């Protein structure tokens, strides 16, 4: 297909898992009614963003993938004829957990999962306490409507991740996300942080010649120490914004992506042609010290 309608579900969450799942289902239906063919939910959509604290009780939120939530989403995908990108807290084995996104095809088939590769550990983002880094590598999924690449939140900051996923044939890059501002920060800092977040992802679209879709949560959670900044967006294959969500409201929006633009932009800005792959070995080093 050359044109794909993508649904972005930017929502807030509460403590009760069942309530969040029902809201997500409702908004997927809403997106499908607006013509969406692929619907992306935000990172860890079934719960509050629990990584703001280190609490062993939160491990009870984890589930197998495939498991109960993927089964629910598979039934819904089949009913509506849409692809669903569902970010979940995966329990792989006793004491072994991942931040994982499942991809469900439009006929309800579970296509597989991507485990988040880059795991942050910052104030209010204590993800290393919960998640083992992904070991499946970067992934693409051939859905009914497009071959898609899925990365997760902190992966957004790494051009290597988007490059590899694009080189694997991804026609669209999706980023389920949970990121926000500390409420103690000043407005200028908040603005700078959001702009950096959006800019780095738009640069992935430019460098790789593919559309980027980033879906964030919105609003206050827990004690109100963090405000999730929303600001979900979609770009074309040259990084131009096609849609930008607010910083305040829940929104479900459908954006049309013209996939044939990738060929045009890659032809006129042939970054892939001019890559000097013979010179990139140093990128595998942690840092290139002066004596090297």
Protein backbone atom coordinates (compact mmCIF):
# COMPACT_ATOMS: atom_id res chain seq x y z
CA UNK A 1 0.00 0.00 0.00
CA UNK A 2 1.21 3.51 -0.71
CA UNK A 3 -1.04 5.36 1.75
CA UNK A 4 -1.65 4.25 5.33
CA UNK A 5 -3.91 5.80 7.96
CA UNK A 6 -2.23 5.74 11.35
CA UNK A 7 -4.07 6.25 14.64
CA UNK A 8 -2.33 7.85 17.62
CA UNK A 9 -3.92 7.36 21.05
CA UNK A 10 -2.62 9.93 23.55
CA UNK A 11 -4.28 9.23 26.89
CA UNK A 12 -3.89 9.47 30.64
CA UNK A 13 -3.93 6.43 32.91
CA UNK A 14 -5.22 5.51 36.36
CA UNK A 15 -4.21 2.86 38.88
CA UNK A 16 -6.84 0.31 37.85
CA UNK A 17 -5.56 -1.82 34.97
CA UNK A 18 -9.01 -2.85 33.72
CA UNK A 19 -10.06 0.79 33.42
CA UNK A 20 -7.00 1.62 31.30
CA UNK A 21 -7.54 -1.35 29.02
CA UNK A 22 -11.19 -0.43 28.49
CA UNK A 23 -10.21 3.15 27.69
CA UNK A 24 -7.60 1.94 25.21
CA UNK A 25 -10.13 -0.35 23.54
CA UNK A 26 -12.62 2.51 23.29
CA UNK A 27 -10.03 4.79 21.70
CA UNK A 28 -8.88 2.09 19.28
CA UNK A 29 -12.51 1.80 18.19
CA UNK A 30 -12.62 5.58 17.89
CA UNK A 31 -9.50 5.58 15.71
CA UNK A 32 -10.85 2.75 13.56
CA UNK A 33 -14.09 4.66 13.05
CA UNK A 34 -11.99 7.57 11.76
CA UNK A 35 -10.33 5.31 9.23
CA UNK A 36 -7.20 4.16 11.08
CA UNK A 37 -5.49 1.05 9.71
CA UNK A 38 -2.63 0.94 12.24
CA UNK A 39 -3.22 2.14 15.82
CA UNK A 40 -0.37 2.85 18.23
CA UNK A 41 -0.88 3.07 22.00
CA UNK A 42 1.50 4.79 24.38
CA UNK A 43 4.20 3.06 26.42
CA UNK A 44 2.91 0.84 29.27
CA UNK A 45 -0.68 1.87 28.62
CA UNK A 46 -2.30 -0.61 31.03
CA UNK A 47 -1.08 1.15 34.19
CA UNK A 48 0.25 4.29 35.71
CA UNK A 49 3.87 4.93 34.83
CA UNK A 50 5.13 2.98 37.84
CA UNK A 51 8.85 3.50 37.18
CA UNK A 52 8.83 6.79 39.06
CA UNK A 53 9.49 4.70 42.21
CA UNK A 54 11.37 1.51 43.01
CA UNK A 55 8.66 -0.68 44.50
CA UNK A 56 8.63 -4.48 44.36
CA UNK A 57 4.83 -4.51 44.41
CA UNK A 58 4.82 -3.08 40.89
CA UNK A 59 6.18 -6.34 39.50
CA UNK A 60 2.65 -7.68 39.97
CA UNK A 61 1.65 -5.57 36.94
CA UNK A 62 3.74 -7.71 34.60
CA UNK A 63 2.26 -10.38 32.33
CA UNK A 64 3.27 -12.92 29.74
CA UNK A 65 3.45 -11.91 26.07
CA UNK A 66 1.51 -13.40 24.40
CA UNK A 67 -0.88 -13.29 27.32
CA UNK A 68 -4.20 -11.88 28.50
CA UNK A 69 -3.80 -8.34 27.12
CA UNK A 70 -2.47 -9.47 23.75
CA UNK A 71 -5.41 -11.90 23.54
CA UNK A 72 -7.82 -9.03 24.20
CA UNK A 73 -6.11 -6.86 21.61
CA UNK A 74 -6.04 -9.69 19.07
CA UNK A 75 -9.80 -10.09 19.29
CA UNK A 76 -10.28 -6.35 18.88
CA UNK A 77 -7.84 -6.13 15.95
CA UNK A 78 -9.67 -8.94 14.16
CA UNK A 79 -13.08 -7.36 14.82
CA UNK A 80 -12.02 -3.94 13.53
CA UNK A 81 -9.54 -5.03 10.86
CA UNK A 82 -6.77 -2.85 12.28
CA UNK A 83 -3.16 -3.39 13.32
CA UNK A 84 -2.56 -2.68 17.04
CA UNK A 85 0.78 -1.72 18.59
CA UNK A 86 0.51 -2.49 22.31
CA UNK A 87 3.25 -1.61 24.81
CA UNK A 88 3.26 -3.87 27.89
CA UNK A 89 5.24 -4.88 31.00
CA UNK A 90 6.44 -8.38 30.13
CA UNK A 91 7.12 -11.15 32.65
CA UNK A 92 9.44 -13.45 30.73
CA UNK A 93 10.26 -15.79 33.62
CA UNK A 94 10.41 -15.72 37.40
CA UNK A 95 12.41 -12.59 38.25
CA UNK A 96 13.00 -11.63 34.60
CA UNK A 97 11.09 -8.70 33.12
CA UNK A 98 11.14 -6.54 29.98
CA UNK A 99 9.56 -3.37 28.64
CA UNK A 100 8.00 -4.89 25.53
CA UNK A 101 5.72 -3.96 22.66
CA UNK A 102 3.51 -6.55 20.97
CA UNK A 103 2.32 -6.15 17.38
CA UNK A 104 -1.07 -7.56 16.38
CA UNK A 105 -1.98 -7.80 12.70
CA UNK A 106 -5.34 -6.76 11.24
CA UNK A 107 -6.64 -10.35 11.26
CA UNK A 108 -5.84 -10.74 14.95
CA UNK A 109 -2.57 -12.60 14.41
CA UNK A 110 0.13 -11.97 16.99
CA UNK A 111 3.15 -11.04 14.84
CA UNK A 112 5.73 -10.85 17.59
CA UNK A 113 7.32 -8.46 20.04
CA UNK A 114 10.11 -5.94 20.44
CA UNK A 115 11.91 -5.64 23.78
CA UNK A 116 13.18 -2.18 24.63
CA UNK A 117 16.93 -2.06 24.09
CA UNK A 118 17.91 1.16 25.88
CA UNK A 119 16.86 1.31 29.54
CA UNK A 120 17.10 4.64 31.40
CA UNK A 121 17.82 5.26 35.06
CA UNK A 122 17.06 8.85 35.99
CA UNK A 123 15.09 10.55 38.77
CA UNK A 124 11.44 9.45 38.31
CA UNK A 125 12.49 7.07 35.50
CA UNK A 126 13.94 4.14 37.45
CA UNK A 127 13.51 1.63 34.66
CA UNK A 128 16.68 -0.35 35.35
CA UNK A 129 15.05 -1.50 38.60
CA UNK A 130 12.31 -3.23 36.59
CA UNK A 131 13.51 -4.04 33.09
CA UNK A 132 16.22 -6.22 31.62
CA UNK A 133 17.55 -4.73 28.35
CA UNK A 134 16.06 -6.29 25.25
CA UNK A 135 17.83 -9.28 23.69
CA UNK A 136 15.77 -9.77 20.53
CA UNK A 137 17.61 -7.08 18.61
CA UNK A 138 15.83 -4.52 16.47
CA UNK A 139 12.66 -5.72 14.80
CA UNK A 140 10.39 -5.05 11.86
CA UNK A 141 6.92 -6.49 11.39
CA UNK A 142 5.19 -7.11 8.08
CA UNK A 143 1.60 -6.09 8.77
CA UNK A 144 -1.31 -6.05 6.36
CA UNK A 145 -0.80 -2.36 5.65
CA UNK A 146 2.95 -1.72 5.94
CA UNK A 147 6.24 -3.09 7.19
CA UNK A 148 6.70 -1.28 10.49
CA UNK A 149 9.54 -0.80 12.94
CA UNK A 150 8.81 -0.40 16.64
CA UNK A 151 11.16 1.22 19.14
CA UNK A 152 10.28 2.33 22.68
CA UNK A 153 10.74 5.68 24.44
CA UNK A 154 14.41 5.93 25.54
CA UNK A 155 15.33 4.28 22.23
CA UNK A 156 14.25 7.62 20.71
CA UNK A 157 17.55 9.26 21.57
CA UNK A 158 19.71 6.75 19.70
CA UNK A 159 20.17 7.25 15.94
CA UNK A 160 21.74 3.78 15.75
CA UNK A 161 18.41 2.19 16.69
CA UNK A 162 16.40 4.05 14.06
CA UNK A 163 19.08 3.48 11.42
CA UNK A 164 19.26 -0.27 11.94
CA UNK A 165 15.47 -0.61 12.02
CA UNK A 166 15.20 1.41 8.82
CA UNK A 167 17.91 -0.66 7.14
CA UNK A 168 15.83 -3.73 7.97
CA UNK A 169 13.11 -2.34 5.72
CA UNK A 170 10.82 -0.48 8.10
CA UNK A 171 8.46 1.80 6.16
CA UNK A 172 7.26 3.61 9.32
CA UNK A 173 9.00 4.01 12.69
CA UNK A 174 6.71 3.91 15.76
CA UNK A 175 7.74 5.08 19.23
CA UNK A 176 5.36 4.29 22.13
CA UNK A 177 6.50 6.69 24.86
CA UNK A 178 6.08 7.81 28.46
CA UNK A 179 7.94 11.05 29.12
CA UNK A 180 7.17 14.21 31.00
CA UNK A 181 8.37 17.20 32.97
CA UNK A 182 9.22 17.45 36.63
CA UNK A 183 6.66 19.90 38.00
CA UNK A 184 9.47 21.73 39.82
CA UNK A 185 11.09 22.80 36.52
CA UNK A 186 10.83 26.24 34.97
CA UNK A 187 8.97 26.77 31.70
CA UNK A 188 12.11 27.39 29.63
CA UNK A 189 13.62 24.07 30.72
CA UNK A 190 10.36 22.29 29.93
CA UNK A 191 10.24 23.83 26.47
CA UNK A 192 13.87 22.98 25.74
CA UNK A 193 13.41 19.37 26.80
CA UNK A 194 10.32 18.87 24.68
CA UNK A 195 11.90 20.50 21.66
CA UNK A 196 14.98 18.27 21.97
CA UNK A 197 12.75 15.19 22.19
CA UNK A 198 10.77 16.12 19.13
CA UNK A 199 13.82 17.25 17.16
CA UNK A 200 15.80 14.04 17.64
CA UNK A 201 12.89 11.96 16.39
CA UNK A 202 12.20 14.19 13.41
CA UNK A 203 15.88 13.82 12.56
CA UNK A 204 15.38 10.04 12.38
CA UNK A 205 12.75 10.64 9.70
CA UNK A 206 15.13 12.90 7.76
CA UNK A 207 18.18 10.65 8.04
CA UNK A 208 16.32 7.49 7.09
CA UNK A 209 13.64 8.81 4.75
CA UNK A 210 10.75 7.22 6.63
CA UNK A 211 7.75 8.64 8.54
CA UNK A 212 7.98 8.71 12.34
CA UNK A 213 5.02 8.31 14.71
CA UNK A 214 5.56 9.05 18.41
CA UNK A 215 2.75 8.45 20.92
CA UNK A 216 3.09 9.80 24.47
CA UNK A 217 0.89 9.79 27.55
CA UNK A 218 -0.46 13.02 29.00
CA UNK A 219 -1.40 14.53 32.35
CA UNK A 220 -0.48 14.10 36.02
CA UNK A 221 0.01 10.76 37.76
CA UNK A 222 0.88 9.56 41.26
CA UNK A 223 1.75 12.47 43.56
CA UNK A 224 1.76 15.00 40.75
CA UNK A 225 5.55 15.32 40.78
CA UNK A 226 5.57 14.77 37.03
CA UNK A 227 3.41 16.04 34.23
CA UNK A 228 3.48 13.82 31.17
CA UNK A 229 3.82 16.25 28.33
CA UNK A 230 1.72 14.67 25.62
CA UNK A 231 2.86 16.32 22.42
CA UNK A 232 2.44 13.15 20.37
CA UNK A 233 3.20 13.70 16.71
CA UNK A 234 3.59 12.21 13.25
CA UNK A 235 5.99 13.29 10.50
CA UNK A 236 6.39 12.53 6.84
CA UNK A 237 9.58 10.97 5.45
CA UNK A 238 11.38 14.33 5.49
CA UNK A 239 10.55 15.16 9.09
CA UNK A 240 7.73 17.60 8.36
CA UNK A 241 5.10 17.61 11.11
CA UNK A 242 1.78 16.24 9.90
CA UNK A 243 0.17 16.24 13.33
CA UNK A 244 1.07 17.62 16.75
CA UNK A 245 -0.98 16.87 19.87
CA UNK A 246 -1.46 19.28 22.75
CA UNK A 247 0.42 19.16 26.05
CA UNK A 248 -2.83 19.11 28.01
CA UNK A 249 -5.49 16.86 26.48
CA UNK A 250 -6.22 13.27 25.68
CA UNK A 251 -6.44 12.94 21.90
CA UNK A 252 -7.13 10.20 19.39
CA UNK A 253 -6.16 11.29 15.91
CA UNK A 254 -5.73 9.62 12.53
CA UNK A 255 -2.97 10.75 10.16
CA UNK A 256 -2.51 9.71 6.55
CA UNK A 257 1.05 8.72 5.65
CA UNK A 258 2.16 8.65 2.02
CA UNK A 259 4.72 5.85 1.94
CA UNK A 260 5.77 6.47 -1.65
CA UNK A 261 7.37 9.73 -0.48
CA UNK A 262 10.23 7.68 0.94
CA UNK A 263 11.43 6.77 -2.53
CA UNK A 264 11.27 10.41 -3.62
CA UNK A 265 13.18 11.75 -0.61
CA UNK A 266 15.77 8.96 -0.65
CA UNK A 267 16.32 9.56 -4.37
CA UNK A 268 16.84 13.33 -4.00
CA UNK A 269 18.68 13.16 -0.66
CA UNK A 270 20.55 9.87 -1.11
CA UNK A 271 21.90 9.43 2.41
CA UNK A 272 21.71 5.64 2.19
CA UNK A 273 23.69 5.63 -1.06
CA UNK A 274 26.49 7.70 0.43
CA UNK A 275 26.93 5.88 3.73
CA UNK A 276 30.59 4.98 4.28
CA UNK A 277 29.98 1.64 5.93
CA UNK A 278 33.70 0.82 5.65
CA UNK A 279 34.46 3.64 8.13
CA UNK A 280 31.91 2.98 10.86
CA UNK A 281 33.66 0.32 12.95
CA UNK A 282 34.53 2.80 15.75
CA UNK A 283 30.81 3.24 16.53
CA UNK A 284 30.91 -0.07 18.41
CA UNK A 285 33.24 1.43 21.05
CA UNK A 286 31.82 2.97 24.23
CA UNK A 287 34.10 5.98 23.74
CA UNK A 288 37.10 6.67 21.53
CA UNK A 289 39.91 7.59 23.91
CA UNK A 290 42.66 9.96 22.84
CA UNK A 291 45.38 7.28 22.93
CA UNK A 292 43.42 5.17 20.48
